[in-house]
Amino acid sequence: MQEKNNKSNIIHKKRGLILPSKLKIFIILHPKQNLHLASIALIKISKDNIQMTLKDLIDEAHAIVPKISCEIFAKTSEDYFLIDVREETEIIETGSIANAVNIPRGLIEMKLSPNDDNQSLNADTPIVVYCGGGSRASLAGKTLKDLGFKNIQNLEGGYRGWKEFAE
């Protein structure tokens, strides 16, 4: 068993090694070794060192946080804890959805925790997040998932989408 652990850690010991981007990497495994696990280890190493653009971060968040349509939300809004992640100045200028709690995106981590006994939320609380158009809400939703909340949705179209729907 010890030998197996040492072999699986070989990749991790090389994390500090930077290879030229055009260099081909060949993985040579014993027939009983798992190519899939070795590939995942290499992917984890490369992901640790990839610098993402804002667009990449938003795309990743959109892929992780499902959207809820304004129509479905309107019919079931009482089932959700609703968070407006815009800044207070935006809310003063444009308004807000009824019963929304304003927690700006930059404060989500400091204000909410699924394990906080002082708040009525827990990991399974259904939460809908929204911003002006949807991108910041997806990022906030991903953060909430990272914190341990399991039931997060992003209001499709954000506040602008809601205003169009409500008209």
Foldseek 3Di string as FASTA:
>chain_A
DVVVVVVLCPLVVCLVDDDPPPDDDDDDDDPPDDPVSVVVSVVVSVVVVDDDDLVRLLVVLPVVAAADELVVCVVVVVQAQEEEQEDPVVCVVPNDDPNYDYDHLVCLVVPDAQPDPVDPHHQARAYEYFYQAFRSRSSSQVVSVVRRRDHYHYYHGGPVSNVVVVD
